[in-house]
Amino acid sequence: MSHSKPYLPEKTCVNCQRLFTWRKKWLRDWQQVKFCSQRCRRSNKRSQHD
């Protein structure tokens, strides 16, 4: 049985504009997190170079 966690903070991904929620792995640097995934991070770097 799982439970929802409605109290977790959310952000919008800079690249794809999707909402993503806080994860434990981002505990120390949540303020610096801008992307929802590694894929968005990589595609953003590619689009800046073009």
PDB file of N, CA and C in Angstrom:
ATOM      1  N   MET A   1       0.841  -1.175   0.000  1.00  0.00           N
ATOM      2  CA  MET A   1       0.000   0.000   0.000  1.00  0.00           C
ATOM      3  C   MET A   1       0.889   1.242   0.000  1.00  0.00           C
ATOM      4  N   SER A   2       0.657   2.113  -0.935  1.00  0.00           N
ATOM      5  CA  SER A   2       1.436   3.342  -1.000  1.00  0.00           C
ATOM      6  C   SER A   2       0.566   4.532  -0.624  1.00  0.00           C
ATOM      7  N   HIS A   3       1.208   5.589  -0.305  1.00  0.00           N
ATOM      8  CA  HIS A   3       0.483   6.803   0.034  1.00  0.00           C
ATOM      9  C   HIS A   3       1.024   7.961  -0.798  1.00  0.00           C
ATOM     10  N   SER A   4       0.186   8.912  -1.075  1.00  0.00           N
ATOM     11  CA  SER A   4       0.630  10.066  -1.839  1.00  0.00           C
ATOM     12  C   SER A   4       1.304  11.054  -0.899  1.00  0.00           C
ATOM     13  N   LYS A   5       2.139  11.878  -1.466  1.00  0.00           N
ATOM     14  CA  LYS A   5       2.868  12.867  -0.675  1.00  0.00           C
ATOM     15  C   LYS A   5       2.562  14.261  -1.231  1.00  0.00           C
ATOM     16  N   PRO A   6       1.427  14.804  -0.898  1.00  0.00           N
ATOM     17  CA  PRO A   6       1.015  16.087  -1.475  1.00  0.00           C
ATOM     18  C   PRO A   6       1.822  17.278  -0.965  1.00  0.00           C
ATOM     19  N   TYR A   7       2.608  17.091   0.062  1.00  0.00           N
ATOM     20  CA  TYR A   7       3.340  18.190   0.672  1.00  0.00           C
ATOM     21  C   TYR A   7       4.715  18.426   0.043  1.00  0.00           C
ATOM     22  N   LEU A   8       5.114  17.637  -0.942  1.00  0.00           N
ATOM     23  CA  LEU A   8       6.422  17.806  -1.562  1.00  0.00           C
ATOM     24  C   LEU A   8       6.425  19.019  -2.491  1.00  0.00           C
ATOM     25  N   PRO A   9       7.498  19.806  -2.468  1.00  0.00           N
ATOM     26  CA  PRO A   9       7.570  20.976  -3.349  1.00  0.00           C
ATOM     27  C   PRO A   9       7.687  20.575  -4.818  1.00  0.00           C
ATOM     28  N   GLU A  10       7.275  21.471  -5.680  1.00  0.00           N
ATOM     29  CA  GLU A  10       7.321  21.232  -7.121  1.00  0.00           C
ATOM     30  C   GLU A  10       8.044  22.370  -7.815  1.00  0.00           C
ATOM     31  N   LYS A  11       8.586  22.049  -8.982  1.00  0.00           N
ATOM     32  CA  LYS A  11       9.214  23.041  -9.852  1.00  0.00           C
ATOM     33  C   LYS A  11       8.817  22.732 -11.286  1.00  0.00           C
ATOM     34  N   THR A  12       9.065  23.691 -12.171  1.00  0.00           N
ATOM     35  CA  THR A  12       8.828  23.500 -13.595  1.00  0.00           C
ATOM     36  C   THR A  12      10.169  23.353 -14.293  1.00  0.00           C
ATOM     37  N   CYS A  13      10.274  22.362 -15.128  1.00  0.00           N
ATOM     38  CA  CYS A  13      11.511  22.107 -15.862  1.00  0.00           C
ATOM     39  C   CYS A  13      11.764  23.243 -16.852  1.00  0.00           C
ATOM     40  N   VAL A  14      12.993  23.729 -16.890  1.00  0.00           N
ATOM     41  CA  VAL A  14      13.367  24.827 -17.775  1.00  0.00           C
ATOM     42  C   VAL A  14      13.282  24.413 -19.243  1.00  0.00           C
ATOM     43  N   ASN A  15      13.535  23.160 -19.524  1.00  0.00           N
ATOM     44  CA  ASN A  15      13.568  22.680 -20.899  1.00  0.00           C
ATOM     45  C   ASN A  15      12.193  22.268 -21.428  1.00  0.00           C
ATOM     46  N   CYS A  16      11.501  21.382 -20.726  1.00  0.00           N
ATOM     47  CA  CYS A  16      10.249  20.810 -21.246  1.00  0.00           C
ATOM     48  C   CYS A  16       8.985  21.412 -20.621  1.00  0.00           C
ATOM     49  N   GLN A  17       9.138  22.258 -19.638  1.00  0.00           N
ATOM     50  CA  GLN A  17       8.023  22.937 -18.968  1.00  0.00           C
ATOM     51  C   GLN A  17       7.097  22.002 -18.200  1.00  0.00           C
ATOM     52  N   ARG A  18       7.561  20.813 -17.858  1.00  0.00           N
ATOM     53  CA  ARG A  18       6.761  19.886 -17.048  1.00  0.00           C
ATOM     54  C   ARG A  18       7.004  20.144 -15.572  1.00  0.00           C
ATOM     55  N   LEU A  19       5.992  19.853 -14.776  1.00  0.00           N
ATOM     56  CA  LEU A  19       6.160  19.927 -13.331  1.00  0.00           C
ATOM     57  C   LEU A  19       6.876  18.679 -12.841  1.00  0.00           C
ATOM     58  N   PHE A  20       7.786  18.873 -11.899  1.00  0.00           N
ATOM     59  CA  PHE A  20       8.426  17.731 -11.256  1.00  0.00           C
ATOM     60  C   PHE A  20       8.517  18.002  -9.764  1.00  0.00           C
ATOM     61  N   THR A  21       8.492  16.940  -8.992  1.00  0.00           N
ATOM     62  CA  THR A  21       8.470  17.072  -7.538  1.00  0.00           C
ATOM     63  C   THR A  21       9.829  16.760  -6.938  1.00  0.00           C
ATOM     64  N   TRP A  22       9.989  17.225  -5.739  1.00  0.00           N
ATOM     65  CA  TRP A  22      11.214  17.038  -4.974  1.00  0.00           C
ATOM     66  C   TRP A  22      11.520  15.559  -4.813  1.00  0.00           C
ATOM     67  N   ARG A  23      12.806  15.221  -4.888  1.00  0.00           N
ATOM     68  CA  ARG A  23      13.267  13.851  -4.640  1.00  0.00           C
ATOM     69  C   ARG A  23      14.347  13.892  -3.575  1.00  0.00           C
ATOM     70  N   LYS A  24      14.474  12.818  -2.868  1.00  0.00           N
ATOM     71  CA  LYS A  24      15.455  12.763  -1.786  1.00  0.00           C
ATOM     72  C   LYS A  24      16.883  13.005  -2.287  1.00  0.00           C
ATOM     73  N   LYS A  25      17.180  12.570  -3.502  1.00  0.00           N
ATOM     74  CA  LYS A  25      18.536  12.766  -4.029  1.00  0.00           C
ATOM     75  C   LYS A  25      18.861  14.249  -4.246  1.00  0.00           C
ATOM     76  N   TRP A  26      17.834  15.095  -4.277  1.00  0.00           N
ATOM     77  CA  TRP A  26      18.034  16.534  -4.429  1.00  0.00           C
ATOM     78  C   TRP A  26      18.002  17.269  -3.091  1.00  0.00           C
ATOM     79  N   LEU A  27      18.122  16.547  -2.008  1.00  0.00           N
ATOM     80  CA  LEU A  27      18.013  17.120  -0.673  1.00  0.00           C
ATOM     81  C   LEU A  27      18.934  18.319  -0.477  1.00  0.00           C
ATOM     82  N   ARG A  28      20.182  18.193  -0.863  1.00  0.00           N
ATOM     83  CA  ARG A  28      21.171  19.245  -0.607  1.00  0.00           C
ATOM     84  C   ARG A  28      21.144  20.380  -1.621  1.00  0.00           C
ATOM     85  N   ASP A  29      20.688  20.125  -2.836  1.00  0.00           N
ATOM     86  CA  ASP A  29      20.764  21.171  -3.861  1.00  0.00           C
ATOM     87  C   ASP A  29      19.452  21.413  -4.605  1.00  0.00           C
ATOM     88  N   TRP A  30      18.352  21.330  -3.918  1.00  0.00           N
ATOM     89  CA  TRP A  30      17.041  21.570  -4.528  1.00  0.00           C
ATOM     90  C   TRP A  30      16.964  22.972  -5.128  1.00  0.00           C
ATOM     91  N   GLN A  31      17.611  23.934  -4.517  1.00  0.00           N
ATOM     92  CA  GLN A  31      17.576  25.310  -5.019  1.00  0.00           C
ATOM     93  C   GLN A  31      18.229  25.439  -6.401  1.00  0.00           C
ATOM     94  N   GLN A  32      19.200  24.593  -6.701  1.00  0.00           N
ATOM     95  CA  GLN A  32      19.908  24.657  -7.978  1.00  0.00           C
ATOM     96  C   GLN A  32      19.301  23.769  -9.063  1.00  0.00           C
ATOM     97  N   VAL A  33      18.391  22.901  -8.712  1.00  0.00           N
ATOM     98  CA  VAL A  33      17.802  21.972  -9.688  1.00  0.00           C
ATOM     99  C   VAL A  33      16.917  22.752 -10.663  1.00  0.00           C
ATOM    100  N   LYS A  34      17.161  22.557 -11.963  1.00  0.00           N
ATOM    101  CA  LYS A  34      16.407  23.266 -13.001  1.00  0.00           C
ATOM    102  C   LYS A  34      15.712  22.320 -13.977  1.00  0.00           C
ATOM    103  N   PHE A  35      16.216  21.086 -14.058  1.00  0.00           N
ATOM    104  CA  PHE A  35      15.728  20.145 -15.055  1.00  0.00           C
ATOM    105  C   PHE A  35      15.099  18.933 -14.391  1.00  0.00           C
ATOM    106  N   CYS A  36      14.104  18.366 -15.032  1.00  0.00           N
ATOM    107  CA  CYS A  36      13.402  17.210 -14.472  1.00  0.00           C
ATOM    108  C   CYS A  36      14.172  15.915 -14.674  1.00  0.00           C
ATOM    109  N   SER A  37      15.097  15.883 -15.636  1.00  0.00           N
ATOM    110  CA  SER A  37      15.820  14.644 -15.937  1.00  0.00           C
ATOM    111  C   SER A  37      17.156  14.952 -16.604  1.00  0.00           C
ATOM    112  N   GLN A  38      17.986  13.929 -16.703  1.00  0.00           N
ATOM    113  CA  GLN A  38      19.261  14.067 -17.413  1.00  0.00           C
ATOM    114  C   GLN A  38      19.019  14.340 -18.901  1.00  0.00           C
ATOM    115  N   ARG A  39      17.992  13.755 -19.431  1.00  0.00           N
ATOM    116  CA  ARG A  39      17.668  13.966 -20.845  1.00  0.00           C
ATOM    117  C   ARG A  39      17.379  15.444 -21.121  1.00  0.00           C
ATOM    118  N   CYS A  40      16.609  16.080 -20.268  1.00  0.00           N
ATOM    119  CA  CYS A  40      16.321  17.506 -20.444  1.00  0.00           C
ATOM    120  C   CYS A  40      17.581  18.347 -20.279  1.00  0.00           C
ATOM    121  N   ARG A  41      18.415  17.967 -19.352  1.00  0.00           N
ATOM    122  CA  ARG A  41      19.668  18.692 -19.142  1.00  0.00           C
ATOM    123  C   ARG A  41      20.551  18.612 -20.386  1.00  0.00           C
ATOM    124  N   ARG A  42      20.685  17.410 -20.955  1.00  0.00           N
ATOM    125  CA  ARG A  42      21.508  17.234 -22.157  1.00  0.00           C
ATOM    126  C   ARG A  42      20.919  17.973 -23.356  1.00  0.00           C
ATOM    127  N   SER A  43      19.630  17.886 -23.551  1.00  0.00           N
ATOM    128  CA  SER A  43      19.018  18.540 -24.711  1.00  0.00           C
ATOM    129  C   SER A  43      19.088  20.054 -24.594  1.00  0.00           C
ATOM    130  N   ASN A  44      19.061  20.574 -23.398  1.00  0.00           N
ATOM    131  CA  ASN A  44      19.194  22.012 -23.198  1.00  0.00           C
ATOM    132  C   ASN A  44      20.602  22.472 -23.570  1.00  0.00           C
ATOM    133  N   LYS A  45      21.611  21.718 -23.225  1.00  0.00           N
ATOM    134  CA  LYS A  45      22.990  22.069 -23.580  1.00  0.00           C
ATOM    135  C   LYS A  45      23.178  22.052 -25.092  1.00  0.00           C
ATOM    136  N   ARG A  46      22.583  21.063 -25.764  1.00  0.00           N
ATOM    137  CA  ARG A  46      22.683  20.988 -27.221  1.00  0.00           C
ATOM    138  C   ARG A  46      22.001  22.172 -27.885  1.00  0.00           C
ATOM    139  N   SER A  47      20.850  22.567 -27.402  1.00  0.00           N
ATOM    140  CA  SER A  47      20.111  23.666 -28.024  1.00  0.00           C
ATOM    141  C   SER A  47      20.816  25.003 -27.828  1.00  0.00           C
ATOM    142  N   GLN A  48      21.590  25.150 -26.776  1.00  0.00           N
ATOM    143  CA  GLN A  48      22.332  26.390 -26.553  1.00  0.00           C
ATOM    144  C   GLN A  48      23.492  26.528 -27.530  1.00  0.00           C
ATOM    145  N   HIS A  49      24.072  25.413 -27.963  1.00  0.00           N
ATOM    146  CA  HIS A  49      25.209  25.448 -28.872  1.00  0.00           C
ATOM    147  C   HIS A  49      24.792  25.683 -30.316  1.00  0.00           C
ATOM    148  N   ASP A  50      23.558  25.449 -30.647  1.00  0.00           N
ATOM    149  CA  ASP A  50      23.082  25.612 -32.033  1.00  0.00           C
ATOM    150  C   ASP A  50      22.799  27.050 -32.376  1.00  0.00           C
TER     151      ASP A  50
END
